[in-house]
């Protein structure tokens, strides 16, 4: 029986649906488990439940952007 390598989980966060779709398709094609969100608030909810290995996040989004969702900017460490 061959050992199959488990790929990482990647969270893509972007308010632009086309951008999100490109990254989701790219990483899914490469065998990664991909999650997506369209704002920082959604991303935080996903992170609380799924703990992705990598988060790729747009820094310029309405509601909550990549900078605002970072723990240092929320009073965490």
PDB file of N, CA and C in Angstrom:
ATOM      1  N   UNK A   1       0.846  -1.186   0.000  1.00  0.00           N
ATOM      2  CA  UNK A   1       0.000   0.000   0.000  1.00  0.00           C
ATOM      3  C   UNK A   1       0.891   1.250   0.000  1.00  0.00           C
ATOM      4  N   UNK A   2       0.625   2.137  -0.909  1.00  0.00           N
ATOM      5  CA  UNK A   2       1.400   3.375  -1.001  1.00  0.00           C
ATOM      6  C   UNK A   2       0.962   4.388   0.050  1.00  0.00           C
ATOM      7  N   UNK A   3       1.953   5.086   0.603  1.00  0.00           N
ATOM      8  CA  UNK A   3       1.654   6.160   1.548  1.00  0.00           C
ATOM      9  C   UNK A   3       1.297   7.424   0.764  1.00  0.00           C
ATOM     10  N   UNK A   4       0.140   7.996   1.060  1.00  0.00           N
ATOM     11  CA  UNK A   4      -0.274   9.215   0.392  1.00  0.00           C
ATOM     12  C   UNK A   4      -0.050  10.394   1.324  1.00  0.00           C
ATOM     13  N   UNK A   5       0.688  11.382   0.839  1.00  0.00           N
ATOM     14  CA  UNK A   5       0.988  12.563   1.631  1.00  0.00           C
ATOM     15  C   UNK A   5      -0.271  13.403   1.814  1.00  0.00           C
ATOM     16  N   UNK A   6      -0.507  13.828   3.047  1.00  0.00           N
ATOM     17  CA  UNK A   6      -1.638  14.696   3.322  1.00  0.00           C
ATOM     18  C   UNK A   6      -1.238  16.131   3.021  1.00  0.00           C
ATOM     19  N   UNK A   7      -2.008  16.781   2.187  1.00  0.00           N
ATOM     20  CA  UNK A   7      -1.719  18.165   1.836  1.00  0.00           C
ATOM     21  C   UNK A   7      -2.304  19.098   2.898  1.00  0.00           C
ATOM     22  N   UNK A   8      -1.741  20.271   2.973  1.00  0.00           N
ATOM     23  CA  UNK A   8      -2.169  21.280   3.947  1.00  0.00           C
ATOM     24  C   UNK A   8      -3.533  21.858   3.574  1.00  0.00           C
ATOM     25  N   UNK A   9      -4.154  22.479   4.564  1.00  0.00           N
ATOM     26  CA  UNK A   9      -5.395  23.218   4.346  1.00  0.00           C
ATOM     27  C   UNK A   9      -5.043  24.685   4.179  1.00  0.00           C
ATOM     28  N   UNK A  10      -5.577  25.306   3.135  1.00  0.00           N
ATOM     29  CA  UNK A  10      -5.311  26.707   2.827  1.00  0.00           C
ATOM     30  C   UNK A  10      -6.626  27.474   2.859  1.00  0.00           C
ATOM     31  N   UNK A  11      -6.613  28.608   3.534  1.00  0.00           N
ATOM     32  CA  UNK A  11      -7.772  29.503   3.568  1.00  0.00           C
ATOM     33  C   UNK A  11      -7.477  30.705   2.675  1.00  0.00           C
ATOM     34  N   UNK A  12      -8.343  30.941   1.694  1.00  0.00           N
ATOM     35  CA  UNK A  12      -8.227  32.074   0.786  1.00  0.00           C
ATOM     36  C   UNK A  12      -9.272  33.103   1.208  1.00  0.00           C
ATOM     37  N   UNK A  13      -8.827  34.350   1.466  1.00  0.00           N
ATOM     38  CA  UNK A  13      -9.747  35.401   1.893  1.00  0.00           C
ATOM     39  C   UNK A  13      -9.592  36.594   0.961  1.00  0.00           C
ATOM     40  N   UNK A  14     -10.658  36.898   0.237  1.00  0.00           N
ATOM     41  CA  UNK A  14     -10.643  38.028  -0.695  1.00  0.00           C
ATOM     42  C   UNK A  14     -12.082  38.421  -0.982  1.00  0.00           C
ATOM     43  N   UNK A  15     -12.358  39.715  -0.995  1.00  0.00           N
ATOM     44  CA  UNK A  15     -13.710  40.177  -1.292  1.00  0.00           C
ATOM     45  C   UNK A  15     -14.029  40.107  -2.780  1.00  0.00           C
ATOM     46  N   UNK A  16     -13.006  39.942  -3.616  1.00  0.00           N
ATOM     47  CA  UNK A  16     -13.200  39.825  -5.054  1.00  0.00           C
ATOM     48  C   UNK A  16     -13.384  38.348  -5.403  1.00  0.00           C
ATOM     49  N   UNK A  17     -14.589  37.996  -5.826  1.00  0.00           N
ATOM     50  CA  UNK A  17     -14.919  36.595  -6.084  1.00  0.00           C
ATOM     51  C   UNK A  17     -14.034  35.967  -7.166  1.00  0.00           C
ATOM     52  N   UNK A  18     -13.709  36.725  -8.190  1.00  0.00           N
ATOM     53  CA  UNK A  18     -12.850  36.201  -9.256  1.00  0.00           C
ATOM     54  C   UNK A  18     -11.462  35.846  -8.723  1.00  0.00           C
ATOM     55  N   UNK A  19     -10.894  36.730  -7.906  1.00  0.00           N
ATOM     56  CA  UNK A  19      -9.581  36.446  -7.306  1.00  0.00           C
ATOM     57  C   UNK A  19      -9.637  35.185  -6.450  1.00  0.00           C
ATOM     58  N   UNK A  20     -10.674  35.102  -5.617  1.00  0.00           N
ATOM     59  CA  UNK A  20     -10.844  33.933  -4.746  1.00  0.00           C
ATOM     60  C   UNK A  20     -10.924  32.653  -5.566  1.00  0.00           C
ATOM     61  N   UNK A  21     -11.735  32.692  -6.628  1.00  0.00           N
ATOM     62  CA  UNK A  21     -11.939  31.505  -7.460  1.00  0.00           C
ATOM     63  C   UNK A  21     -10.637  31.039  -8.110  1.00  0.00           C
ATOM     64  N   UNK A  22      -9.811  31.981  -8.570  1.00  0.00           N
ATOM     65  CA  UNK A  22      -8.540  31.613  -9.203  1.00  0.00           C
ATOM     66  C   UNK A  22      -7.666  30.852  -8.209  1.00  0.00           C
ATOM     67  N   UNK A  23      -7.534  31.386  -6.993  1.00  0.00           N
ATOM     68  CA  UNK A  23      -6.698  30.725  -5.983  1.00  0.00           C
ATOM     69  C   UNK A  23      -7.291  29.391  -5.543  1.00  0.00           C
ATOM     70  N   UNK A  24      -8.607  29.342  -5.360  1.00  0.00           N
ATOM     71  CA  UNK A  24      -9.250  28.093  -4.952  1.00  0.00           C
ATOM     72  C   UNK A  24      -9.002  27.017  -6.004  1.00  0.00           C
ATOM     73  N   UNK A  25      -9.200  27.357  -7.269  1.00  0.00           N
ATOM     74  CA  UNK A  25      -8.983  26.383  -8.344  1.00  0.00           C
ATOM     75  C   UNK A  25      -7.527  25.941  -8.414  1.00  0.00           C
ATOM     76  N   UNK A  26      -6.608  26.892  -8.317  1.00  0.00           N
ATOM     77  CA  UNK A  26      -5.181  26.587  -8.399  1.00  0.00           C
ATOM     78  C   UNK A  26      -4.751  25.609  -7.314  1.00  0.00           C
ATOM     79  N   UNK A  27      -5.093  25.929  -6.068  1.00  0.00           N
ATOM     80  CA  UNK A  27      -4.647  25.086  -4.964  1.00  0.00           C
ATOM     81  C   UNK A  27      -5.417  23.769  -4.885  1.00  0.00           C
ATOM     82  N   UNK A  28      -6.681  23.769  -5.265  1.00  0.00           N
ATOM     83  CA  UNK A  28      -7.454  22.527  -5.302  1.00  0.00           C
ATOM     84  C   UNK A  28      -6.858  21.589  -6.344  1.00  0.00           C
ATOM     85  N   UNK A  29      -6.515  22.128  -7.499  1.00  0.00           N
ATOM     86  CA  UNK A  29      -5.893  21.335  -8.567  1.00  0.00           C
ATOM     87  C   UNK A  29      -4.587  20.705  -8.089  1.00  0.00           C
ATOM     88  N   UNK A  30      -3.858  21.427  -7.236  1.00  0.00           N
ATOM     89  CA  UNK A  30      -2.580  20.922  -6.718  1.00  0.00           C
ATOM     90  C   UNK A  30      -2.775  19.952  -5.550  1.00  0.00           C
ATOM     91  N   UNK A  31      -4.023  19.682  -5.166  1.00  0.00           N
ATOM     92  CA  UNK A  31      -4.302  18.679  -4.154  1.00  0.00           C
ATOM     93  C   UNK A  31      -4.487  19.186  -2.739  1.00  0.00           C
ATOM     94  N   UNK A  32      -4.503  20.495  -2.564  1.00  0.00           N
ATOM     95  CA  UNK A  32      -4.695  21.053  -1.225  1.00  0.00           C
ATOM     96  C   UNK A  32      -6.173  21.078  -0.865  1.00  0.00           C
ATOM     97  N   UNK A  33      -6.447  21.029   0.424  1.00  0.00           N
ATOM     98  CA  UNK A  33      -7.808  21.252   0.913  1.00  0.00           C
ATOM     99  C   UNK A  33      -7.960  22.765   1.041  1.00  0.00           C
ATOM    100  N   UNK A  34      -8.916  23.345   0.327  1.00  0.00           N
ATOM    101  CA  UNK A  34      -9.036  24.805   0.261  1.00  0.00           C
ATOM    102  C   UNK A  34     -10.367  25.261   0.838  1.00  0.00           C
ATOM    103  N   UNK A  35     -10.289  26.263   1.714  1.00  0.00           N
ATOM    104  CA  UNK A  35     -11.454  26.943   2.271  1.00  0.00           C
ATOM    105  C   UNK A  35     -11.412  28.373   1.762  1.00  0.00           C
ATOM    106  N   UNK A  36     -12.565  29.049   1.726  1.00  0.00           N
ATOM    107  CA  UNK A  36     -12.555  30.441   1.276  1.00  0.00           C
ATOM    108  C   UNK A  36     -13.546  31.275   2.067  1.00  0.00           C
ATOM    109  N   UNK A  37     -13.246  32.572   2.117  1.00  0.00           N
ATOM    110  CA  UNK A  37     -14.102  33.546   2.790  1.00  0.00           C
ATOM    111  C   UNK A  37     -14.006  34.855   2.021  1.00  0.00           C
ATOM    112  N   UNK A  38     -15.062  35.669   2.113  1.00  0.00           N
ATOM    113  CA  UNK A  38     -15.026  36.937   1.378  1.00  0.00           C
ATOM    114  C   UNK A  38     -14.759  38.154   2.262  1.00  0.00           C
ATOM    115  N   UNK A  39     -14.451  37.937   3.548  1.00  0.00           N
ATOM    116  CA  UNK A  39     -14.029  39.049   4.418  1.00  0.00           C
ATOM    117  C   UNK A  39     -13.321  38.493   5.654  1.00  0.00           C
ATOM    118  N   UNK A  40     -12.692  39.381   6.384  1.00  0.00           N
ATOM    119  CA  UNK A  40     -11.921  38.976   7.554  1.00  0.00           C
ATOM    120  C   UNK A  40     -12.755  38.366   8.660  1.00  0.00           C
ATOM    121  N   UNK A  41     -13.976  38.872   8.844  1.00  0.00           N
ATOM    122  CA  UNK A  41     -14.848  38.332   9.891  1.00  0.00           C
ATOM    123  C   UNK A  41     -15.198  36.875   9.597  1.00  0.00           C
ATOM    124  N   UNK A  42     -15.528  36.574   8.348  1.00  0.00           N
ATOM    125  CA  UNK A  42     -15.797  35.187   7.953  1.00  0.00           C
ATOM    126  C   UNK A  42     -14.554  34.324   8.154  1.00  0.00           C
ATOM    127  N   UNK A  43     -13.408  34.876   7.801  1.00  0.00           N
ATOM    128  CA  UNK A  43     -12.149  34.142   7.940  1.00  0.00           C
ATOM    129  C   UNK A  43     -11.902  33.753   9.394  1.00  0.00           C
ATOM    130  N   UNK A  44     -12.154  34.677  10.323  1.00  0.00           N
ATOM    131  CA  UNK A  44     -11.948  34.367  11.744  1.00  0.00           C
ATOM    132  C   UNK A  44     -12.855  33.234  12.204  1.00  0.00           C
ATOM    133  N   UNK A  45     -14.098  33.221  11.715  1.00  0.00           N
ATOM    134  CA  UNK A  45     -15.028  32.142  12.074  1.00  0.00           C
ATOM    135  C   UNK A  45     -14.534  30.801  11.528  1.00  0.00           C
ATOM    136  N   UNK A  46     -14.021  30.816  10.312  1.00  0.00           N
ATOM    137  CA  UNK A  46     -13.491  29.581   9.714  1.00  0.00           C
ATOM    138  C   UNK A  46     -12.259  29.101  10.472  1.00  0.00           C
ATOM    139  N   UNK A  47     -11.370  30.023  10.811  1.00  0.00           N
ATOM    140  CA  UNK A  47     -10.141  29.672  11.530  1.00  0.00           C
ATOM    141  C   UNK A  47     -10.465  29.043  12.885  1.00  0.00           C
ATOM    142  N   UNK A  48     -11.501  29.534  13.536  1.00  0.00           N
ATOM    143  CA  UNK A  48     -11.879  28.999  14.848  1.00  0.00           C
ATOM    144  C   UNK A  48     -12.280  27.527  14.782  1.00  0.00           C
ATOM    145  N   UNK A  49     -12.790  27.096  13.633  1.00  0.00           N
ATOM    146  CA  UNK A  49     -13.264  25.719  13.503  1.00  0.00           C
ATOM    147  C   UNK A  49     -12.337  24.800  12.716  1.00  0.00           C
ATOM    148  N   UNK A  50     -11.569  25.343  11.783  1.00  0.00           N
ATOM    149  CA  UNK A  50     -10.800  24.493  10.871  1.00  0.00           C
ATOM    150  C   UNK A  50      -9.283  24.586  11.024  1.00  0.00           C
ATOM    151  N   UNK A  51      -8.775  25.619  11.626  1.00  0.00           N
ATOM    152  CA  UNK A  51      -7.331  25.792  11.855  1.00  0.00           C
ATOM    153  C   UNK A  51      -6.491  25.497  10.600  1.00  0.00           C
ATOM    154  N   UNK A  52      -6.632  26.326   9.541  1.00  0.00           N
ATOM    155  CA  UNK A  52      -5.856  26.086   8.318  1.00  0.00           C
ATOM    156  C   UNK A  52      -4.359  26.222   8.557  1.00  0.00           C
ATOM    157  N   UNK A  53      -3.583  25.567   7.711  1.00  0.00           N
ATOM    158  CA  UNK A  53      -2.127  25.638   7.794  1.00  0.00           C
ATOM    159  C   UNK A  53      -1.588  26.942   7.219  1.00  0.00           C
ATOM    160  N   UNK A  54      -2.316  27.509   6.266  1.00  0.00           N
ATOM    161  CA  UNK A  54      -1.890  28.735   5.592  1.00  0.00           C
ATOM    162  C   UNK A  54      -3.107  29.590   5.296  1.00  0.00           C
ATOM    163  N   UNK A  55      -2.974  30.902   5.513  1.00  0.00           N
ATOM    164  CA  UNK A  55      -4.040  31.843   5.180  1.00  0.00           C
ATOM    165  C   UNK A  55      -3.474  32.855   4.193  1.00  0.00           C
ATOM    166  N   UNK A  56      -4.116  32.964   3.039  1.00  0.00           N
ATOM    167  CA  UNK A  56      -3.776  33.990   2.052  1.00  0.00           C
ATOM    168  C   UNK A  56      -4.911  34.991   2.070  1.00  0.00           C
ATOM    169  N   UNK A  57      -4.595  36.225   2.490  1.00  0.00           N
ATOM    170  CA  UNK A  57      -5.646  37.215   2.734  1.00  0.00           C
ATOM    171  C   UNK A  57      -5.334  38.546   2.078  1.00  0.00           C
ATOM    172  N   UNK A  58      -6.333  39.070   1.387  1.00  0.00           N
ATOM    173  CA  UNK A  58      -6.260  40.403   0.797  1.00  0.00           C
ATOM    174  C   UNK A  58      -6.128  41.416   1.933  1.00  0.00           C
ATOM    175  N   UNK A  59      -5.220  42.354   1.790  1.00  0.00           N
ATOM    176  CA  UNK A  59      -5.033  43.372   2.837  1.00  0.00           C
ATOM    177  C   UNK A  59      -5.997  44.538   2.707  1.00  0.00           C
ATOM    178  N   UNK A  60      -6.697  44.628   1.595  1.00  0.00           N
ATOM    179  CA  UNK A  60      -7.590  45.764   1.349  1.00  0.00           C
ATOM    180  C   UNK A  60      -9.003  45.260   1.063  1.00  0.00           C
ATOM    181  N   UNK A  61      -9.786  45.082   2.143  1.00  0.00           N
ATOM    182  CA  UNK A  61     -11.173  44.611   2.007  1.00  0.00           C
ATOM    183  C   UNK A  61     -12.075  45.420   2.923  1.00  0.00           C
ATOM    184  N   UNK A  62     -13.349  45.549   2.546  1.00  0.00           N
ATOM    185  CA  UNK A  62     -14.304  46.201   3.453  1.00  0.00           C
ATOM    186  C   UNK A  62     -14.635  45.258   4.621  1.00  0.00           C
ATOM    187  N   UNK A  63     -15.303  45.750   5.614  1.00  0.00           N
ATOM    188  CA  UNK A  63     -15.743  45.031   6.819  1.00  0.00           C
ATOM    189  C   UNK A  63     -14.565  44.738   7.739  1.00  0.00           C
ATOM    190  N   UNK A  64     -13.700  43.826   7.379  1.00  0.00           N
ATOM    191  CA  UNK A  64     -12.498  43.557   8.163  1.00  0.00           C
ATOM    192  C   UNK A  64     -11.441  43.063   7.190  1.00  0.00           C
ATOM    193  N   UNK A  65     -10.339  43.796   7.110  1.00  0.00           N
ATOM    194  CA  UNK A  65      -9.300  43.424   6.143  1.00  0.00           C
ATOM    195  C   UNK A  65      -8.248  42.534   6.798  1.00  0.00           C
ATOM    196  N   UNK A  66      -7.226  42.193   6.027  1.00  0.00           N
ATOM    197  CA  UNK A  66      -6.171  41.321   6.517  1.00  0.00           C
ATOM    198  C   UNK A  66      -5.438  41.868   7.722  1.00  0.00           C
ATOM    199  N   UNK A  67      -5.222  43.168   7.763  1.00  0.00           N
ATOM    200  CA  UNK A  67      -4.534  43.786   8.898  1.00  0.00           C
ATOM    201  C   UNK A  67      -5.440  43.766  10.126  1.00  0.00           C
ATOM    202  N   UNK A  68      -6.706  44.134   9.967  1.00  0.00           N
ATOM    203  CA  UNK A  68      -7.642  44.196  11.093  1.00  0.00           C
ATOM    204  C   UNK A  68      -7.951  42.849  11.707  1.00  0.00           C
ATOM    205  N   UNK A  69      -7.785  41.784  10.941  1.00  0.00           N
ATOM    206  CA  UNK A  69      -8.091  40.457  11.473  1.00  0.00           C
ATOM    207  C   UNK A  69      -6.899  39.805  12.164  1.00  0.00           C
ATOM    208  N   UNK A  70      -5.741  40.444  12.102  1.00  0.00           N
ATOM    209  CA  UNK A  70      -4.552  39.908  12.769  1.00  0.00           C
ATOM    210  C   UNK A  70      -4.707  40.077  14.280  1.00  0.00           C
ATOM    211  N   UNK A  71      -4.341  39.052  15.073  1.00  0.00           N
ATOM    212  CA  UNK A  71      -4.520  39.122  16.532  1.00  0.00           C
ATOM    213  C   UNK A  71      -3.908  40.358  17.199  1.00  0.00           C
ATOM    214  N   UNK A  72      -2.772  40.852  16.702  1.00  0.00           N
ATOM    215  CA  UNK A  72      -2.160  42.044  17.308  1.00  0.00           C
ATOM    216  C   UNK A  72      -3.087  43.255  17.236  1.00  0.00           C
ATOM    217  N   UNK A  73      -3.904  43.306  16.206  1.00  0.00           N
ATOM    218  CA  UNK A  73      -4.816  44.447  16.024  1.00  0.00           C
ATOM    219  C   UNK A  73      -6.157  44.207  16.693  1.00  0.00           C
ATOM    220  N   UNK A  74      -6.292  43.069  17.352  1.00  0.00           N
ATOM    221  CA  UNK A  74      -7.525  42.766  18.084  1.00  0.00           C
ATOM    222  C   UNK A  74      -7.270  42.704  19.581  1.00  0.00           C
ATOM    223  N   UNK A  75      -6.066  43.061  19.986  1.00  0.00           N
ATOM    224  CA  UNK A  75      -5.740  43.025  21.399  1.00  0.00           C
ATOM    225  C   UNK A  75      -5.115  41.715  21.843  1.00  0.00           C
ATOM    226  N   UNK A  76      -4.885  40.783  20.903  1.00  0.00           N
ATOM    227  CA  UNK A  76      -4.256  39.503  21.219  1.00  0.00           C
ATOM    228  C   UNK A  76      -2.764  39.559  20.940  1.00  0.00           C
ATOM    229  N   UNK A  77      -2.108  38.420  21.071  1.00  0.00           N
ATOM    230  CA  UNK A  77      -0.667  38.374  20.810  1.00  0.00           C
ATOM    231  C   UNK A  77      -0.327  37.393  19.747  1.00  0.00           C
TER     232      UNK A  77
END
